[in-house]
Amino acid sequence: MRLNQISDIDGSARPRKRVGRGMSSGTGKTAGKGMKGQKSRSGVAIKGFEGGQMPLHRRLPKRGFNSLNPSKFAIVNLGRLQQAVDAGKLEAGSKVDAAALIAAGVVRREGDGVRLLAKGELTAKLDLVVAGASGTAVAAVEKAGGSVTQTSAVTEADLAAKAAKTERRKARAAKKK
């Protein structure tokens, strides 16, 4: 068989419907768009419009807070770490940080940091350096003989600046009274 001998099975590819090509074609005149008006024209998308009735997305209440720039953490589960140790991609007893996890293929990219979660089981001793970890995950790593160091994005200087700002605000409020 050669490339020029390959063809589709009969009936597998239907020819496209050509609209607006005369009344006898079946899709002439309005070309399947119905009658007149805005929706029969091209480039119209009336998303969420309900004929003047208050749209559903405005009837429902807003809940919570959606950040404009949310933190994107790389999620790592304990079971995935154990798989990497068993495969020889991570050494038991060694220090494991984001760069080591990327090199081992456990995560693709660091993002805003690596977050450790407790799904699965860990038996290898690992010293992990992560941006955050759940309490259950920390307990499981320490039970296996390892340790978890959490590097917070908030520094002592940030906390001191926030405390100073709060004090200034309180002082201004007391001064007004």
C-alpha atoms as a PDB file:
ATOM      1  CA  MET A   1       0.000   0.000   0.000  1.00  0.00           C
ATOM      2  CA  ARG A   2       1.220   3.512  -0.842  1.00  0.00           C
ATOM      3  CA  LEU A   3       0.247   6.940   0.449  1.00  0.00           C
ATOM      4  CA  ASN A   4      -1.503   7.824  -2.802  1.00  0.00           C
ATOM      5  CA  GLN A   5      -3.711   4.731  -2.451  1.00  0.00           C
ATOM      6  CA  ILE A   6      -5.098   5.689   0.973  1.00  0.00           C
ATOM      7  CA  SER A   7      -8.649   7.089   0.949  1.00  0.00           C
ATOM      8  CA  ASP A   8     -11.563   7.535   3.317  1.00  0.00           C
ATOM      9  CA  ILE A   9     -14.218   4.855   3.584  1.00  0.00           C
ATOM     10  CA  ASP A  10     -17.279   5.773   1.511  1.00  0.00           C
ATOM     11  CA  GLY A  11     -19.750   7.754   3.588  1.00  0.00           C
ATOM     12  CA  SER A  12     -17.307   8.638   6.382  1.00  0.00           C
ATOM     13  CA  ALA A  13     -16.779  12.243   5.240  1.00  0.00           C
ATOM     14  CA  ARG A  14     -19.918  14.198   4.441  1.00  0.00           C
ATOM     15  CA  PRO A  15     -19.523  17.268   2.180  1.00  0.00           C
ATOM     16  CA  ARG A  16     -20.128  20.603   3.911  1.00  0.00           C
ATOM     17  CA  LYS A  17     -23.514  22.242   3.490  1.00  0.00           C
ATOM     18  CA  ARG A  18     -23.317  25.358   1.283  1.00  0.00           C
ATOM     19  CA  VAL A  19     -25.893  27.819   2.556  1.00  0.00           C
ATOM     20  CA  GLY A  20     -27.402  30.794   0.785  1.00  0.00           C
ATOM     21  CA  ARG A  21     -27.147  29.294  -2.711  1.00  0.00           C
ATOM     22  CA  GLY A  22     -30.718  29.630  -3.937  1.00  0.00           C
ATOM     23  CA  MET A  23     -34.149  28.404  -2.888  1.00  0.00           C
ATOM     24  CA  SER A  24     -33.804  24.980  -4.492  1.00  0.00           C
ATOM     25  CA  SER A  25     -30.787  24.107  -2.310  1.00  0.00           C
ATOM     26  CA  GLY A  26     -32.973  23.897   0.790  1.00  0.00           C
ATOM     27  CA  THR A  27     -30.811  26.409   2.630  1.00  0.00           C
ATOM     28  CA  GLY A  28     -31.331  29.463   0.436  1.00  0.00           C
ATOM     29  CA  LYS A  29     -32.818  32.868   1.272  1.00  0.00           C
ATOM     30  CA  THR A  30     -32.243  33.046   5.055  1.00  0.00           C
ATOM     31  CA  ALA A  31     -29.466  30.402   4.979  1.00  0.00           C
ATOM     32  CA  GLY A  32     -30.746  28.567   8.047  1.00  0.00           C
ATOM     33  CA  LYS A  33     -30.661  31.738  10.204  1.00  0.00           C
ATOM     34  CA  GLY A  34     -34.425  32.033  10.598  1.00  0.00           C
ATOM     35  CA  MET A  35     -36.005  35.368   9.839  1.00  0.00           C
ATOM     36  CA  LYS A  36     -34.789  38.928  10.286  1.00  0.00           C
ATOM     37  CA  GLY A  37     -33.101  40.785  13.092  1.00  0.00           C
ATOM     38  CA  GLN A  38     -29.872  40.951  15.041  1.00  0.00           C
ATOM     39  CA  LYS A  39     -29.335  37.221  15.403  1.00  0.00           C
ATOM     40  CA  SER A  40     -29.554  36.599  11.682  1.00  0.00           C
ATOM     41  CA  ARG A  41     -26.515  38.829  11.157  1.00  0.00           C
ATOM     42  CA  SER A  42     -22.944  37.617  11.552  1.00  0.00           C
ATOM     43  CA  GLY A  43     -20.811  38.418  14.574  1.00  0.00           C
ATOM     44  CA  VAL A  44     -23.641  38.493  17.132  1.00  0.00           C
ATOM     45  CA  ALA A  45     -23.302  36.840  20.515  1.00  0.00           C
ATOM     46  CA  ILE A  46     -25.897  37.839  23.090  1.00  0.00           C
ATOM     47  CA  LYS A  47     -24.477  35.882  26.022  1.00  0.00           C
ATOM     48  CA  GLY A  48     -26.668  35.771  29.098  1.00  0.00           C
ATOM     49  CA  PHE A  49     -29.449  37.884  27.561  1.00  0.00           C
ATOM     50  CA  GLU A  50     -32.891  36.691  28.653  1.00  0.00           C
ATOM     51  CA  GLY A  51     -35.197  39.020  26.715  1.00  0.00           C
ATOM     52  CA  GLY A  52     -35.105  41.866  29.224  1.00  0.00           C
ATOM     53  CA  GLN A  53     -35.666  39.611  32.237  1.00  0.00           C
ATOM     54  CA  MET A  54     -32.967  39.956  34.902  1.00  0.00           C
ATOM     55  CA  PRO A  55     -30.288  37.462  33.779  1.00  0.00           C
ATOM     56  CA  LEU A  56     -29.422  34.485  35.929  1.00  0.00           C
ATOM     57  CA  HIS A  57     -25.862  35.641  36.576  1.00  0.00           C
ATOM     58  CA  ARG A  58     -27.262  38.853  38.086  1.00  0.00           C
ATOM     59  CA  ARG A  59     -30.060  37.150  40.040  1.00  0.00           C
ATOM     60  CA  LEU A  60     -27.701  34.860  41.945  1.00  0.00           C
ATOM     61  CA  PRO A  61     -25.818  36.312  44.939  1.00  0.00           C
ATOM     62  CA  LYS A  62     -22.066  36.759  44.917  1.00  0.00           C
ATOM     63  CA  ARG A  63     -20.163  34.590  47.372  1.00  0.00           C
ATOM     64  CA  GLY A  64     -16.659  34.884  48.752  1.00  0.00           C
ATOM     65  CA  PHE A  65     -13.705  36.653  47.235  1.00  0.00           C
ATOM     66  CA  ASN A  66     -11.932  35.952  43.955  1.00  0.00           C
ATOM     67  CA  SER A  67      -8.403  37.296  43.833  1.00  0.00           C
ATOM     68  CA  LEU A  68      -7.228  38.955  40.640  1.00  0.00           C
ATOM     69  CA  ASN A  69      -3.801  37.335  40.981  1.00  0.00           C
ATOM     70  CA  PRO A  70      -4.194  34.125  43.019  1.00  0.00           C
ATOM     71  CA  SER A  71      -1.209  32.101  44.182  1.00  0.00           C
ATOM     72  CA  LYS A  72      -0.530  29.052  42.020  1.00  0.00           C
ATOM     73  CA  PHE A  73       1.198  26.308  43.984  1.00  0.00           C
ATOM     74  CA  ALA A  74       2.665  23.115  42.584  1.00  0.00           C
ATOM     75  CA  ILE A  75       0.868  20.339  44.488  1.00  0.00           C
ATOM     76  CA  VAL A  76       2.885  17.302  45.584  1.00  0.00           C
ATOM     77  CA  ASN A  77       1.391  14.334  47.409  1.00  0.00           C
ATOM     78  CA  LEU A  78       3.333  11.988  49.696  1.00  0.00           C
ATOM     79  CA  GLY A  79       2.519   8.982  47.492  1.00  0.00           C
ATOM     80  CA  ARG A  80       4.114  10.717  44.477  1.00  0.00           C
ATOM     81  CA  LEU A  81       7.286  11.387  46.489  1.00  0.00           C
ATOM     82  CA  GLN A  82       7.459   7.711  47.465  1.00  0.00           C
ATOM     83  CA  GLN A  83       7.088   6.700  43.784  1.00  0.00           C
ATOM     84  CA  ALA A  84      10.013   8.963  42.868  1.00  0.00           C
ATOM     85  CA  VAL A  85      12.159   7.460  45.646  1.00  0.00           C
ATOM     86  CA  ASP A  86      11.274   3.911  44.550  1.00  0.00           C
ATOM     87  CA  ALA A  87      12.132   4.775  40.926  1.00  0.00           C
ATOM     88  CA  GLY A  88      15.530   6.138  42.023  1.00  0.00           C
ATOM     89  CA  LYS A  89      14.769   9.708  40.970  1.00  0.00           C
ATOM     90  CA  LEU A  90      15.014  11.023  44.548  1.00  0.00           C
ATOM     91  CA  GLU A  91      17.498   9.829  47.152  1.00  0.00           C
ATOM     92  CA  ALA A  92      16.178   8.857  50.570  1.00  0.00           C
ATOM     93  CA  GLY A  93      17.786  10.909  53.332  1.00  0.00           C
ATOM     94  CA  SER A  94      18.632  13.806  51.017  1.00  0.00           C
ATOM     95  CA  LYS A  95      17.409  17.398  51.048  1.00  0.00           C
ATOM     96  CA  VAL A  96      14.508  17.820  48.595  1.00  0.00           C
ATOM     97  CA  ASP A  97      13.532  21.290  47.384  1.00  0.00           C
ATOM     98  CA  ALA A  98      11.640  22.614  44.356  1.00  0.00           C
ATOM     99  CA  ALA A  99      14.664  22.314  42.044  1.00  0.00           C
ATOM    100  CA  ALA A 100      15.163  18.649  43.023  1.00  0.00           C
ATOM    101  CA  LEU A 101      11.463  17.908  42.440  1.00  0.00           C
ATOM    102  CA  ILE A 102      11.593  19.504  38.969  1.00  0.00           C
ATOM    103  CA  ALA A 103      14.775  17.571  38.101  1.00  0.00           C
ATOM    104  CA  ALA A 104      13.133  14.328  39.257  1.00  0.00           C
ATOM    105  CA  GLY A 105      10.034  15.042  37.151  1.00  0.00           C
ATOM    106  CA  VAL A 106       7.684  15.135  40.143  1.00  0.00           C
ATOM    107  CA  VAL A 107       6.471  18.661  39.279  1.00  0.00           C
ATOM    108  CA  ARG A 108       6.698  20.593  36.022  1.00  0.00           C
ATOM    109  CA  ARG A 109       7.188  24.089  37.377  1.00  0.00           C
ATOM    110  CA  GLU A 110       7.520  25.685  40.781  1.00  0.00           C
ATOM    111  CA  GLY A 111       5.000  28.510  40.377  1.00  0.00           C
ATOM    112  CA  ASP A 112       4.615  30.358  43.676  1.00  0.00           C
ATOM    113  CA  GLY A 113       6.080  27.412  45.572  1.00  0.00           C
ATOM    114  CA  VAL A 114       5.518  23.738  46.272  1.00  0.00           C
ATOM    115  CA  ARG A 115       2.700  22.658  48.572  1.00  0.00           C
ATOM    116  CA  LEU A 116       2.884  19.252  50.245  1.00  0.00           C
ATOM    117  CA  LEU A 117      -0.327  17.269  50.815  1.00  0.00           C
ATOM    118  CA  ALA A 118      -0.892  13.986  52.639  1.00  0.00           C
ATOM    119  CA  LYS A 119      -2.433  11.750  49.962  1.00  0.00           C
ATOM    120  CA  GLY A 120      -0.619   8.418  49.828  1.00  0.00           C
ATOM    121  CA  GLU A 121       2.048   6.980  52.100  1.00  0.00           C
ATOM    122  CA  LEU A 122       5.697   7.892  52.608  1.00  0.00           C
ATOM    123  CA  THR A 123       8.171   5.439  54.088  1.00  0.00           C
ATOM    124  CA  ALA A 124      11.437   7.038  52.937  1.00  0.00           C
ATOM    125  CA  LYS A 125      13.270   9.582  55.097  1.00  0.00           C
ATOM    126  CA  LEU A 126      13.240  12.934  53.259  1.00  0.00           C
ATOM    127  CA  ASP A 127      14.218  16.442  54.358  1.00  0.00           C
ATOM    128  CA  LEU A 128      11.720  18.594  52.454  1.00  0.00           C
ATOM    129  CA  VAL A 129      11.921  22.349  51.839  1.00  0.00           C
ATOM    130  CA  VAL A 130       8.494  23.536  50.615  1.00  0.00           C
ATOM    131  CA  ALA A 131       6.441  26.732  50.590  1.00  0.00           C
ATOM    132  CA  GLY A 132       3.597  25.097  52.507  1.00  0.00           C
ATOM    133  CA  ALA A 133       2.418  21.767  53.861  1.00  0.00           C
ATOM    134  CA  SER A 134      -0.701  20.375  55.491  1.00  0.00           C
ATOM    135  CA  GLY A 135      -0.448  19.312  59.120  1.00  0.00           C
ATOM    136  CA  THR A 136      -1.167  15.682  58.243  1.00  0.00           C
ATOM    137  CA  ALA A 137       1.606  15.697  55.638  1.00  0.00           C
ATOM    138  CA  VAL A 138       4.123  17.147  58.117  1.00  0.00           C
ATOM    139  CA  ALA A 139       3.166  14.485  60.684  1.00  0.00           C
ATOM    140  CA  ALA A 140       3.552  11.686  58.102  1.00  0.00           C
ATOM    141  CA  VAL A 141       6.993  12.911  56.975  1.00  0.00           C
ATOM    142  CA  GLU A 142       8.211  13.199  60.589  1.00  0.00           C
ATOM    143  CA  LYS A 143       6.826   9.721  61.339  1.00  0.00           C
ATOM    144  CA  ALA A 144       8.957   8.375  58.451  1.00  0.00           C
ATOM    145  CA  GLY A 145      12.031  10.030  60.031  1.00  0.00           C
ATOM    146  CA  GLY A 146      12.248  13.096  57.803  1.00  0.00           C
ATOM    147  CA  SER A 147      11.622  16.782  58.315  1.00  0.00           C
ATOM    148  CA  VAL A 148       9.639  19.549  56.639  1.00  0.00           C
ATOM    149  CA  THR A 149      10.902  23.133  56.434  1.00  0.00           C
ATOM    150  CA  GLN A 150       8.310  25.641  55.284  1.00  0.00           C
ATOM    151  CA  THR A 151       9.589  28.780  53.557  1.00  0.00           C
ATOM    152  CA  SER A 152       6.943  31.440  53.863  1.00  0.00           C
ATOM    153  CA  ALA A 153       6.646  34.216  51.306  1.00  0.00           C
ATOM    154  CA  VAL A 154       5.902  36.616  54.204  1.00  0.00           C
ATOM    155  CA  THR A 155       9.146  37.788  55.835  1.00  0.00           C
ATOM    156  CA  GLU A 156       9.759  39.273  59.291  1.00  0.00           C
ATOM    157  CA  ALA A 157      10.207  42.698  57.658  1.00  0.00           C
ATOM    158  CA  ASP A 158       6.738  42.408  56.085  1.00  0.00           C
ATOM    159  CA  LEU A 159       5.194  41.542  59.447  1.00  0.00           C
ATOM    160  CA  ALA A 160       7.016  44.448  61.162  1.00  0.00           C
ATOM    161  CA  ALA A 161       5.856  46.882  58.460  1.00  0.00           C
ATOM    162  CA  LYS A 162       2.265  45.692  58.846  1.00  0.00           C
ATOM    163  CA  ALA A 163       2.414  46.088  62.638  1.00  0.00           C
ATOM    164  CA  ALA A 164       3.846  49.621  62.282  1.00  0.00           C
ATOM    165  CA  LYS A 165       1.081  50.572  59.847  1.00  0.00           C
ATOM    166  CA  THR A 166      -1.554  49.296  62.284  1.00  0.00           C
ATOM    167  CA  GLU A 167      -0.007  51.337  65.113  1.00  0.00           C
ATOM    168  CA  ARG A 168      -0.027  54.505  62.965  1.00  0.00           C
ATOM    169  CA  ARG A 169      -3.683  53.937  62.087  1.00  0.00           C
ATOM    170  CA  LYS A 170      -4.595  53.474  65.767  1.00  0.00           C
ATOM    171  CA  ALA A 171      -2.672  56.614  66.709  1.00  0.00           C
ATOM    172  CA  ARG A 172      -4.519  58.658  64.067  1.00  0.00           C
ATOM    173  CA  ALA A 173      -7.878  57.311  65.242  1.00  0.00           C
ATOM    174  CA  ALA A 174      -7.051  58.191  68.886  1.00  0.00           C
ATOM    175  CA  LYS A 175      -5.907  61.655  67.838  1.00  0.00           C
ATOM    176  CA  LYS A 176      -9.247  62.372  66.101  1.00  0.00           C
ATOM    177  CA  LYS A 177     -11.231  61.547  69.272  1.00  0.00           C
END
